[in-house]
Amino acid sequence: MRFEVPSSTALKDASALRAGLMQALDSEGTVELDLAAVQEADLSFPQLILALRISAAEAGKSLRLRSPAPAAVAALLERAGFLAAATPQDLDFWFHGERAQ
C-alpha cells in the first residue's frame, strides 16, 4: 500500500500522521511511504518513522520508502544526528542503500 506523507510533518501534525500510518500498517503487510511532498519536517518526523519501523518489524510487517529520502529530510536526519552512526539497515531504509551527499 502506498501512503503519501503530507507536506507538513511537524509536531503539530504528528498525531494525525501516526494515526494514518498505523491504520495503513494494520490493514496491509507492507506500507510504502511517499515523501515527495514533504516540505516542513521537524524532529518528531524521524522519531515517528523510527518507532513505526520498529513496531512494523515486531508485527511481521514492513515499512519502506518509495524513493530515497528527499534533500530536506536527509538534511533533517543529518542535523538531528540520525546519520552519525547509521546502520546499513538505516541507510537502506532512508536512502535505498546509499547515503546522500
PDB file of N, CA and C in Angstrom:
ATOM      1  N   MET A   1       0.841  -1.176   0.000  1.00  0.00           N
ATOM      2  CA  MET A   1       0.000   0.000   0.000  1.00  0.00           C
ATOM      3  C   MET A   1       0.889   1.242   0.000  1.00  0.00           C
ATOM      4  N   ARG A   2       0.572   2.189  -0.827  1.00  0.00           N
ATOM      5  CA  ARG A   2       1.307   3.455  -0.898  1.00  0.00           C
ATOM      6  C   ARG A   2       0.642   4.470   0.025  1.00  0.00           C
ATOM      7  N   PHE A   3       1.463   5.149   0.839  1.00  0.00           N
ATOM      8  CA  PHE A   3       0.972   6.164   1.753  1.00  0.00           C
ATOM      9  C   PHE A   3       1.717   7.458   1.455  1.00  0.00           C
ATOM     10  N   GLU A   4       0.983   8.463   1.007  1.00  0.00           N
ATOM     11  CA  GLU A   4       1.594   9.749   0.694  1.00  0.00           C
ATOM     12  C   GLU A   4       1.679  10.590   1.958  1.00  0.00           C
ATOM     13  N   VAL A   5       2.895  10.923   2.342  1.00  0.00           N
ATOM     14  CA  VAL A   5       3.119  11.746   3.517  1.00  0.00           C
ATOM     15  C   VAL A   5       2.835  13.196   3.131  1.00  0.00           C
ATOM     16  N   PRO A   6       2.051  13.899   3.934  1.00  0.00           N
ATOM     17  CA  PRO A   6       1.702  15.284   3.593  1.00  0.00           C
ATOM     18  C   PRO A   6       2.907  16.218   3.650  1.00  0.00           C
ATOM     19  N   SER A   7       2.725  17.429   3.162  1.00  0.00           N
ATOM     20  CA  SER A   7       3.823  18.392   3.077  1.00  0.00           C
ATOM     21  C   SER A   7       4.347  18.806   4.443  1.00  0.00           C
ATOM     22  N   SER A   8       3.491  18.811   5.456  1.00  0.00           N
ATOM     23  CA  SER A   8       3.922  19.190   6.797  1.00  0.00           C
ATOM     24  C   SER A   8       3.969  17.964   7.696  1.00  0.00           C
ATOM     25  N   THR A   9       5.131  17.730   8.261  1.00  0.00           N
ATOM     26  CA  THR A   9       5.303  16.604   9.179  1.00  0.00           C
ATOM     27  C   THR A   9       5.878  17.093  10.501  1.00  0.00           C
ATOM     28  N   ALA A  10       5.480  18.290  10.897  1.00  0.00           N
ATOM     29  CA  ALA A  10       5.938  18.868  12.148  1.00  0.00           C
ATOM     30  C   ALA A  10       5.155  18.274  13.322  1.00  0.00           C
ATOM     31  N   LEU A  11       5.571  18.599  14.525  1.00  0.00           N
ATOM     32  CA  LEU A  11       4.954  18.045  15.731  1.00  0.00           C
ATOM     33  C   LEU A  11       3.438  18.238  15.742  1.00  0.00           C
ATOM     34  N   LYS A  12       2.970  19.378  15.275  1.00  0.00           N
ATOM     35  CA  LYS A  12       1.528  19.640  15.265  1.00  0.00           C
ATOM     36  C   LYS A  12       0.763  18.663  14.368  1.00  0.00           C
ATOM     37  N   ASP A  13       1.464  18.007  13.440  1.00  0.00           N
ATOM     38  CA  ASP A  13       0.843  17.072  12.508  1.00  0.00           C
ATOM     39  C   ASP A  13       1.105  15.613  12.874  1.00  0.00           C
ATOM     40  N   ALA A  14       1.933  15.385  13.885  1.00  0.00           N
ATOM     41  CA  ALA A  14       2.408  14.033  14.204  1.00  0.00           C
ATOM     42  C   ALA A  14       1.286  13.077  14.579  1.00  0.00           C
ATOM     43  N   SER A  15       0.327  13.527  15.344  1.00  0.00           N
ATOM     44  CA  SER A  15      -0.749  12.642  15.785  1.00  0.00           C
ATOM     45  C   SER A  15      -1.569  12.120  14.605  1.00  0.00           C
ATOM     46  N   ALA A  16      -1.931  13.014  13.701  1.00  0.00           N
ATOM     47  CA  ALA A  16      -2.713  12.602  12.527  1.00  0.00           C
ATOM     48  C   ALA A  16      -1.889  11.699  11.618  1.00  0.00           C
ATOM     49  N   LEU A  17      -0.612  12.022  11.449  1.00  0.00           N
ATOM     50  CA  LEU A  17       0.262  11.199  10.612  1.00  0.00           C
ATOM     51  C   LEU A  17       0.414   9.814  11.216  1.00  0.00           C
ATOM     52  N   ARG A  18       0.633   9.749  12.521  1.00  0.00           N
ATOM     53  CA  ARG A  18       0.761   8.462  13.207  1.00  0.00           C
ATOM     54  C   ARG A  18      -0.501   7.634  13.041  1.00  0.00           C
ATOM     55  N   ALA A  19      -1.650   8.255  13.230  1.00  0.00           N
ATOM     56  CA  ALA A  19      -2.916   7.524  13.103  1.00  0.00           C
ATOM     57  C   ALA A  19      -3.085   6.961  11.698  1.00  0.00           C
ATOM     58  N   GLY A  20      -2.789   7.763  10.695  1.00  0.00           N
ATOM     59  CA  GLY A  20      -2.911   7.299   9.313  1.00  0.00           C
ATOM     60  C   GLY A  20      -1.962   6.158   8.993  1.00  0.00           C
ATOM     61  N   LEU A  21      -0.730   6.285   9.471  1.00  0.00           N
ATOM     62  CA  LEU A  21       0.253   5.228   9.219  1.00  0.00           C
ATOM     63  C   LEU A  21      -0.084   3.950   9.983  1.00  0.00           C
ATOM     64  N   MET A  22      -0.552   4.091  11.213  1.00  0.00           N
ATOM     65  CA  MET A  22      -0.943   2.906  11.986  1.00  0.00           C
ATOM     66  C   MET A  22      -2.111   2.185  11.311  1.00  0.00           C
ATOM     67  N   GLN A  23      -3.066   2.935  10.811  1.00  0.00           N
ATOM     68  CA  GLN A  23      -4.198   2.338  10.106  1.00  0.00           C
ATOM     69  C   GLN A  23      -3.718   1.609   8.853  1.00  0.00           C
ATOM     70  N   ALA A  24      -2.812   2.222   8.119  1.00  0.00           N
ATOM     71  CA  ALA A  24      -2.284   1.584   6.912  1.00  0.00           C
ATOM     72  C   ALA A  24      -1.528   0.304   7.264  1.00  0.00           C
ATOM     73  N   LEU A  25      -0.705   0.342   8.303  1.00  0.00           N
ATOM     74  CA  LEU A  25       0.032  -0.850   8.715  1.00  0.00           C
ATOM     75  C   LEU A  25      -0.893  -1.948   9.214  1.00  0.00           C
ATOM     76  N   ASP A  26      -1.972  -1.563   9.893  1.00  0.00           N
ATOM     77  CA  ASP A  26      -2.925  -2.560  10.391  1.00  0.00           C
ATOM     78  C   ASP A  26      -3.633  -3.277   9.253  1.00  0.00           C
ATOM     79  N   SER A  27      -3.862  -2.572   8.140  1.00  0.00           N
ATOM     80  CA  SER A  27      -4.632  -3.168   7.048  1.00  0.00           C
ATOM     81  C   SER A  27      -3.760  -3.830   5.985  1.00  0.00           C
ATOM     82  N   GLU A  28      -2.474  -3.537   5.978  1.00  0.00           N
ATOM     83  CA  GLU A  28      -1.570  -4.059   4.940  1.00  0.00           C
ATOM     84  C   GLU A  28      -0.326  -4.666   5.571  1.00  0.00           C
ATOM     85  N   GLY A  29       0.301  -5.560   4.868  1.00  0.00           N
ATOM     86  CA  GLY A  29       1.554  -6.142   5.341  1.00  0.00           C
ATOM     87  C   GLY A  29       2.744  -5.266   5.047  1.00  0.00           C
ATOM     88  N   THR A  30       2.644  -4.461   3.982  1.00  0.00           N
ATOM     89  CA  THR A  30       3.729  -3.569   3.590  1.00  0.00           C
ATOM     90  C   THR A  30       3.152  -2.198   3.276  1.00  0.00           C
ATOM     91  N   VAL A  31       3.779  -1.180   3.836  1.00  0.00           N
ATOM     92  CA  VAL A  31       3.386   0.196   3.542  1.00  0.00           C
ATOM     93  C   VAL A  31       4.598   0.897   2.955  1.00  0.00           C
ATOM     94  N   GLU A  32       4.378   1.517   1.805  1.00  0.00           N
ATOM     95  CA  GLU A  32       5.424   2.247   1.097  1.00  0.00           C
ATOM     96  C   GLU A  32       5.147   3.745   1.252  1.00  0.00           C
ATOM     97  N   LEU A  33       6.061   4.444   1.922  1.00  0.00           N
ATOM     98  CA  LEU A  33       5.897   5.874   2.169  1.00  0.00           C
ATOM     99  C   LEU A  33       6.408   6.688   0.995  1.00  0.00           C
ATOM    100  N   ASP A  34       5.601   7.629   0.564  1.00  0.00           N
ATOM    101  CA  ASP A  34       5.997   8.556  -0.488  1.00  0.00           C
ATOM    102  C   ASP A  34       6.257   9.902   0.183  1.00  0.00           C
ATOM    103  N   LEU A  35       7.521  10.315   0.237  1.00  0.00           N
ATOM    104  CA  LEU A  35       7.909  11.559   0.905  1.00  0.00           C
ATOM    105  C   LEU A  35       8.056  12.734  -0.048  1.00  0.00           C
ATOM    106  N   ALA A  36       7.672  12.571  -1.287  1.00  0.00           N
ATOM    107  CA  ALA A  36       7.895  13.597  -2.313  1.00  0.00           C
ATOM    108  C   ALA A  36       7.311  14.962  -1.945  1.00  0.00           C
ATOM    109  N   ALA A  37       6.206  15.004  -1.222  1.00  0.00           N
ATOM    110  CA  ALA A  37       5.548  16.272  -0.908  1.00  0.00           C
ATOM    111  C   ALA A  37       6.086  16.943   0.355  1.00  0.00           C
ATOM    112  N   VAL A  38       6.928  16.265   1.119  1.00  0.00           N
ATOM    113  CA  VAL A  38       7.386  16.804   2.406  1.00  0.00           C
ATOM    114  C   VAL A  38       8.169  18.098   2.201  1.00  0.00           C
ATOM    115  N   GLN A  39       7.672  19.171   2.830  1.00  0.00           N
ATOM    116  CA  GLN A  39       8.326  20.474   2.774  1.00  0.00           C
ATOM    117  C   GLN A  39       8.706  20.967   4.161  1.00  0.00           C
ATOM    118  N   GLU A  40       7.931  20.586   5.159  1.00  0.00           N
ATOM    119  CA  GLU A  40       8.178  21.021   6.534  1.00  0.00           C
ATOM    120  C   GLU A  40       8.263  19.783   7.415  1.00  0.00           C
ATOM    121  N   ALA A  41       9.394  19.625   8.078  1.00  0.00           N
ATOM    122  CA  ALA A  41       9.571  18.489   8.974  1.00  0.00           C
ATOM    123  C   ALA A  41      10.419  18.919  10.154  1.00  0.00           C
ATOM    124  N   ASP A  42      10.122  18.350  11.306  1.00  0.00           N
ATOM    125  CA  ASP A  42      10.943  18.593  12.479  1.00  0.00           C
ATOM    126  C   ASP A  42      11.337  17.252  13.077  1.00  0.00           C
ATOM    127  N   LEU A  43      11.960  17.284  14.214  1.00  0.00           N
ATOM    128  CA  LEU A  43      12.499  16.080  14.830  1.00  0.00           C
ATOM    129  C   LEU A  43      11.441  15.015  15.097  1.00  0.00           C
ATOM    130  N   SER A  44      10.201  15.414  15.249  1.00  0.00           N
ATOM    131  CA  SER A  44       9.139  14.425  15.506  1.00  0.00           C
ATOM    132  C   SER A  44       8.967  13.461  14.331  1.00  0.00           C
ATOM    133  N   PHE A  45       9.286  13.906  13.122  1.00  0.00           N
ATOM    134  CA  PHE A  45       9.087  13.055  11.953  1.00  0.00           C
ATOM    135  C   PHE A  45      10.000  11.827  11.947  1.00  0.00           C
ATOM    136  N   PRO A  46      11.332  11.997  12.013  1.00  0.00           N
ATOM    137  CA  PRO A  46      12.153  10.776  12.025  1.00  0.00           C
ATOM    138  C   PRO A  46      11.915   9.922  13.266  1.00  0.00           C
ATOM    139  N   GLN A  47      11.581  10.543  14.396  1.00  0.00           N
ATOM    140  CA  GLN A  47      11.279   9.769  15.599  1.00  0.00           C
ATOM    141  C   GLN A  47      10.046   8.899  15.370  1.00  0.00           C
ATOM    142  N   LEU A  48       9.017   9.470  14.764  1.00  0.00           N
ATOM    143  CA  LEU A  48       7.793   8.723  14.473  1.00  0.00           C
ATOM    144  C   LEU A  48       8.080   7.587  13.503  1.00  0.00           C
ATOM    145  N   ILE A  49       8.833   7.860  12.465  1.00  0.00           N
ATOM    146  CA  ILE A  49       9.133   6.827  11.471  1.00  0.00           C
ATOM    147  C   ILE A  49       9.961   5.709  12.099  1.00  0.00           C
ATOM    148  N   LEU A  50      10.936   6.064  12.932  1.00  0.00           N
ATOM    149  CA  LEU A  50      11.733   5.046  13.615  1.00  0.00           C
ATOM    150  C   LEU A  50      10.850   4.159  14.490  1.00  0.00           C
ATOM    151  N   ALA A  51       9.965   4.756  15.258  1.00  0.00           N
ATOM    152  CA  ALA A  51       9.071   3.977  16.114  1.00  0.00           C
ATOM    153  C   ALA A  51       8.162   3.072  15.288  1.00  0.00           C
ATOM    154  N   LEU A  52       7.664   3.580  14.183  1.00  0.00           N
ATOM    155  CA  LEU A  52       6.794   2.770  13.322  1.00  0.00           C
ATOM    156  C   LEU A  52       7.563   1.643  12.644  1.00  0.00           C
ATOM    157  N   ARG A  53       8.818   1.889  12.271  1.00  0.00           N
ATOM    158  CA  ARG A  53       9.636   0.816  11.687  1.00  0.00           C
ATOM    159  C   ARG A  53       9.797  -0.322  12.679  1.00  0.00           C
ATOM    160  N   ILE A  54      10.062   0.015  13.934  1.00  0.00           N
ATOM    161  CA  ILE A  54      10.229  -0.997  14.983  1.00  0.00           C
ATOM    162  C   ILE A  54       8.932  -1.746  15.209  1.00  0.00           C
ATOM    163  N   SER A  55       7.818  -1.024  15.337  1.00  0.00           N
ATOM    164  CA  SER A  55       6.508  -1.658  15.545  1.00  0.00           C
ATOM    165  C   SER A  55       6.133  -2.565  14.385  1.00  0.00           C
ATOM    166  N   ALA A  56       6.378  -2.092  13.175  1.00  0.00           N
ATOM    167  CA  ALA A  56       6.049  -2.891  11.988  1.00  0.00           C
ATOM    168  C   ALA A  56       6.866  -4.174  11.976  1.00  0.00           C
ATOM    169  N   ALA A  57       8.153  -4.075  12.234  1.00  0.00           N
ATOM    170  CA  ALA A  57       9.017  -5.260  12.234  1.00  0.00           C
ATOM    171  C   ALA A  57       8.578  -6.257  13.297  1.00  0.00           C
ATOM    172  N   GLU A  58       8.232  -5.774  14.473  1.00  0.00           N
ATOM    173  CA  GLU A  58       7.775  -6.657  15.549  1.00  0.00           C
ATOM    174  C   GLU A  58       6.479  -7.362  15.185  1.00  0.00           C
ATOM    175  N   ALA A  59       5.670  -6.730  14.348  1.00  0.00           N
ATOM    176  CA  ALA A  59       4.386  -7.318  13.928  1.00  0.00           C
ATOM    177  C   ALA A  59       4.522  -8.121  12.637  1.00  0.00           C
ATOM    178  N   GLY A  60       5.748  -8.264  12.132  1.00  0.00           N
ATOM    179  CA  GLY A  60       5.962  -9.009  10.896  1.00  0.00           C
ATOM    180  C   GLY A  60       5.521  -8.250   9.664  1.00  0.00           C
ATOM    181  N   LYS A  61       5.498  -6.914   9.762  1.00  0.00           N
ATOM    182  CA  LYS A  61       5.081  -6.076   8.636  1.00  0.00           C
ATOM    183  C   LYS A  61       6.266  -5.247   8.174  1.00  0.00           C
ATOM    184  N   SER A  62       6.081  -4.513   7.093  1.00  0.00           N
ATOM    185  CA  SER A  62       7.183  -3.775   6.504  1.00  0.00           C
ATOM    186  C   SER A  62       6.784  -2.336   6.205  1.00  0.00           C
ATOM    187  N   LEU A  63       7.675  -1.429   6.573  1.00  0.00           N
ATOM    188  CA  LEU A  63       7.519  -0.013   6.267  1.00  0.00           C
ATOM    189  C   LEU A  63       8.747   0.388   5.476  1.00  0.00           C
ATOM    190  N   ARG A  64       8.566   0.981   4.305  1.00  0.00           N
ATOM    191  CA  ARG A  64       9.702   1.386   3.490  1.00  0.00           C
ATOM    192  C   ARG A  64       9.374   2.665   2.734  1.00  0.00           C
ATOM    193  N   LEU A  65      10.417   3.267   2.186  1.00  0.00           N
ATOM    194  CA  LEU A  65      10.237   4.483   1.401  1.00  0.00           C
ATOM    195  C   LEU A  65      10.117   4.133  -0.073  1.00  0.00           C
ATOM    196  N   ARG A  66       9.258   4.852  -0.759  1.00  0.00           N
ATOM    197  CA  ARG A  66       9.069   4.630  -2.199  1.00  0.00           C
ATOM    198  C   ARG A  66      10.335   4.988  -2.971  1.00  0.00           C
ATOM    199  N   SER A  67      10.986   6.066  -2.546  1.00  0.00           N
ATOM    200  CA  SER A  67      12.235   6.502  -3.164  1.00  0.00           C
ATOM    201  C   SER A  67      13.122   7.053  -2.055  1.00  0.00           C
ATOM    202  N   PRO A  68      14.407   7.245  -2.326  1.00  0.00           N
ATOM    203  CA  PRO A  68      15.292   7.761  -1.280  1.00  0.00           C
ATOM    204  C   PRO A  68      14.764   9.068  -0.682  1.00  0.00           C
ATOM    205  N   ALA A  69      15.094   9.284   0.575  1.00  0.00           N
ATOM    206  CA  ALA A  69      14.642  10.493   1.269  1.00  0.00           C
ATOM    207  C   ALA A  69      15.050  11.737   0.491  1.00  0.00           C
ATOM    208  N   PRO A  70      14.122  12.676   0.344  1.00  0.00           N
ATOM    209  CA  PRO A  70      14.461  13.913  -0.361  1.00  0.00           C
ATOM    210  C   PRO A  70      15.473  14.736   0.445  1.00  0.00           C
ATOM    211  N   ALA A  71      16.071  15.721  -0.187  1.00  0.00           N
ATOM    212  CA  ALA A  71      17.131  16.529   0.419  1.00  0.00           C
ATOM    213  C   ALA A  71      16.715  17.141   1.757  1.00  0.00           C
ATOM    214  N   ALA A  72      15.495  17.643   1.860  1.00  0.00           N
ATOM    215  CA  ALA A  72      15.043  18.272   3.108  1.00  0.00           C
ATOM    216  C   ALA A  72      15.023  17.267   4.256  1.00  0.00           C
ATOM    217  N   VAL A  73      14.585  16.059   3.986  1.00  0.00           N
ATOM    218  CA  VAL A  73      14.549  15.019   5.015  1.00  0.00           C
ATOM    219  C   VAL A  73      15.962  14.552   5.340  1.00  0.00           C
ATOM    220  N   ALA A  74      16.799  14.399   4.326  1.00  0.00           N
ATOM    221  CA  ALA A  74      18.190  14.000   4.552  1.00  0.00           C
ATOM    222  C   ALA A  74      18.913  15.030   5.424  1.00  0.00           C
ATOM    223  N   ALA A  75      18.684  16.305   5.166  1.00  0.00           N
ATOM    224  CA  ALA A  75      19.311  17.358   5.962  1.00  0.00           C
ATOM    225  C   ALA A  75      18.826  17.305   7.408  1.00  0.00           C
ATOM    226  N   LEU A  76      17.547  17.058   7.603  1.00  0.00           N
ATOM    227  CA  LEU A  76      17.000  16.923   8.954  1.00  0.00           C
ATOM    228  C   LEU A  76      17.630  15.739   9.679  1.00  0.00           C
ATOM    229  N   LEU A  77      17.735  14.613   9.001  1.00  0.00           N
ATOM    230  CA  LEU A  77      18.351  13.430   9.601  1.00  0.00           C
ATOM    231  C   LEU A  77      19.797  13.723  10.015  1.00  0.00           C
ATOM    232  N   GLU A  78      20.514  14.443   9.176  1.00  0.00           N
ATOM    233  CA  GLU A  78      21.906  14.800   9.477  1.00  0.00           C
ATOM    234  C   GLU A  78      21.973  15.729  10.681  1.00  0.00           C
ATOM    235  N   ARG A  79      21.183  16.805  10.669  1.00  0.00           N
ATOM    236  CA  ARG A  79      21.189  17.773  11.775  1.00  0.00           C
ATOM    237  C   ARG A  79      20.803  17.124  13.100  1.00  0.00           C
ATOM    238  N   ALA A  80      19.866  16.198  13.057  1.00  0.00           N
ATOM    239  CA  ALA A  80      19.354  15.565  14.276  1.00  0.00           C
ATOM    240  C   ALA A  80      20.247  14.432  14.773  1.00  0.00           C
ATOM    241  N   GLY A  81      21.276  14.079  14.025  1.00  0.00           N
ATOM    242  CA  GLY A  81      22.209  13.054  14.457  1.00  0.00           C
ATOM    243  C   GLY A  81      21.814  11.631  14.103  1.00  0.00           C
ATOM    244  N   PHE A  82      20.770  11.456  13.334  1.00  0.00           N
ATOM    245  CA  PHE A  82      20.320  10.114  12.956  1.00  0.00           C
ATOM    246  C   PHE A  82      21.313   9.397  12.044  1.00  0.00           C
ATOM    247  N   LEU A  83      22.156  10.157  11.364  1.00  0.00           N
ATOM    248  CA  LEU A  83      23.090   9.536  10.416  1.00  0.00           C
ATOM    249  C   LEU A  83      24.499   9.384  10.974  1.00  0.00           C
ATOM    250  N   ALA A  84      24.737   9.886  12.182  1.00  0.00           N
ATOM    251  CA  ALA A  84      26.073   9.840  12.773  1.00  0.00           C
ATOM    252  C   ALA A  84      26.592   8.409  12.895  1.00  0.00           C
ATOM    253  N   ALA A  85      25.726   7.500  13.263  1.00  0.00           N
ATOM    254  CA  ALA A  85      26.114   6.091  13.399  1.00  0.00           C
ATOM    255  C   ALA A  85      25.065   5.214  12.719  1.00  0.00           C
ATOM    256  N   ALA A  86      24.675   5.628  11.531  1.00  0.00           N
ATOM    257  CA  ALA A  86      23.620   4.900  10.808  1.00  0.00           C
ATOM    258  C   ALA A  86      24.074   3.483  10.482  1.00  0.00           C
ATOM    259  N   THR A  87      23.178   2.550  10.700  1.00  0.00           N
ATOM    260  CA  THR A  87      23.446   1.158  10.358  1.00  0.00           C
ATOM    261  C   THR A  87      23.184   0.954   8.864  1.00  0.00           C
ATOM    262  N   PRO A  88      23.662  -0.141   8.305  1.00  0.00           N
ATOM    263  CA  PRO A  88      23.321  -0.433   6.907  1.00  0.00           C
ATOM    264  C   PRO A  88      21.797  -0.495   6.691  1.00  0.00           C
ATOM    265  N   GLN A  89      21.070  -0.987   7.689  1.00  0.00           N
ATOM    266  CA  GLN A  89      19.602  -1.048   7.569  1.00  0.00           C
ATOM    267  C   GLN A  89      18.998   0.354   7.533  1.00  0.00           C
ATOM    268  N   ASP A  90      19.556   1.273   8.324  1.00  0.00           N
ATOM    269  CA  ASP A  90      19.082   2.656   8.307  1.00  0.00           C
ATOM    270  C   ASP A  90      19.341   3.300   6.951  1.00  0.00           C
ATOM    271  N   LEU A  91      20.553   3.111   6.437  1.00  0.00           N
ATOM    272  CA  LEU A  91      20.886   3.677   5.126  1.00  0.00           C
ATOM    273  C   LEU A  91      20.019   3.081   4.033  1.00  0.00           C
ATOM    274  N   ASP A  92      19.769   1.787   4.139  1.00  0.00           N
ATOM    275  CA  ASP A  92      18.900   1.138   3.160  1.00  0.00           C
ATOM    276  C   ASP A  92      17.491   1.716   3.233  1.00  0.00           C
ATOM    277  N   PHE A  93      16.986   1.923   4.440  1.00  0.00           N
ATOM    278  CA  PHE A  93      15.645   2.468   4.589  1.00  0.00           C
ATOM    279  C   PHE A  93      15.558   3.888   4.041  1.00  0.00           C
ATOM    280  N   TRP A  94      16.408   4.789   4.523  1.00  0.00           N
ATOM    281  CA  TRP A  94      16.305   6.204   4.160  1.00  0.00           C
ATOM    282  C   TRP A  94      16.811   6.524   2.758  1.00  0.00           C
ATOM    283  N   PHE A  95      17.850   5.813   2.319  1.00  0.00           N
ATOM    284  CA  PHE A  95      18.495   6.183   1.058  1.00  0.00           C
ATOM    285  C   PHE A  95      18.609   5.041   0.063  1.00  0.00           C
ATOM    286  N   HIS A  96      17.910   3.960   0.318  1.00  0.00           N
ATOM    287  CA  HIS A  96      17.962   2.781  -0.533  1.00  0.00           C
ATOM    288  C   HIS A  96      19.388   2.270  -0.696  1.00  0.00           C
ATOM    289  N   GLY A  97      20.128   2.355   0.415  1.00  0.00           N
ATOM    290  CA  GLY A  97      21.472   1.778   0.454  1.00  0.00           C
ATOM    291  C   GLY A  97      22.616   2.750   0.319  1.00  0.00           C
ATOM    292  N   GLU A  98      22.358   3.945  -0.177  1.00  0.00           N
ATOM    293  CA  GLU A  98      23.443   4.907  -0.361  1.00  0.00           C
ATOM    294  C   GLU A  98      23.124   6.195   0.352  1.00  0.00           C
ATOM    295  N   ARG A  99      24.038   6.590   1.210  1.00  0.00           N
ATOM    296  CA  ARG A  99      23.844   7.833   1.955  1.00  0.00           C
ATOM    297  C   ARG A  99      23.964   9.030   1.021  1.00  0.00           C
ATOM    298  N   ALA A 100      23.015   9.943   1.125  1.00  0.00           N
ATOM    299  CA  ALA A 100      23.034  11.146   0.285  1.00  0.00           C
ATOM    300  C   ALA A 100      24.229  12.012   0.649  1.00  0.00           C
ATOM    301  N   GLN A 101      24.782  12.677  -0.311  1.00  0.00           N
ATOM    302  CA  GLN A 101      25.927  13.563  -0.086  1.00  0.00           C
ATOM    303  C   GLN A 101      25.458  14.989   0.035  1.00  0.00           C
TER     304      GLN A 101
END
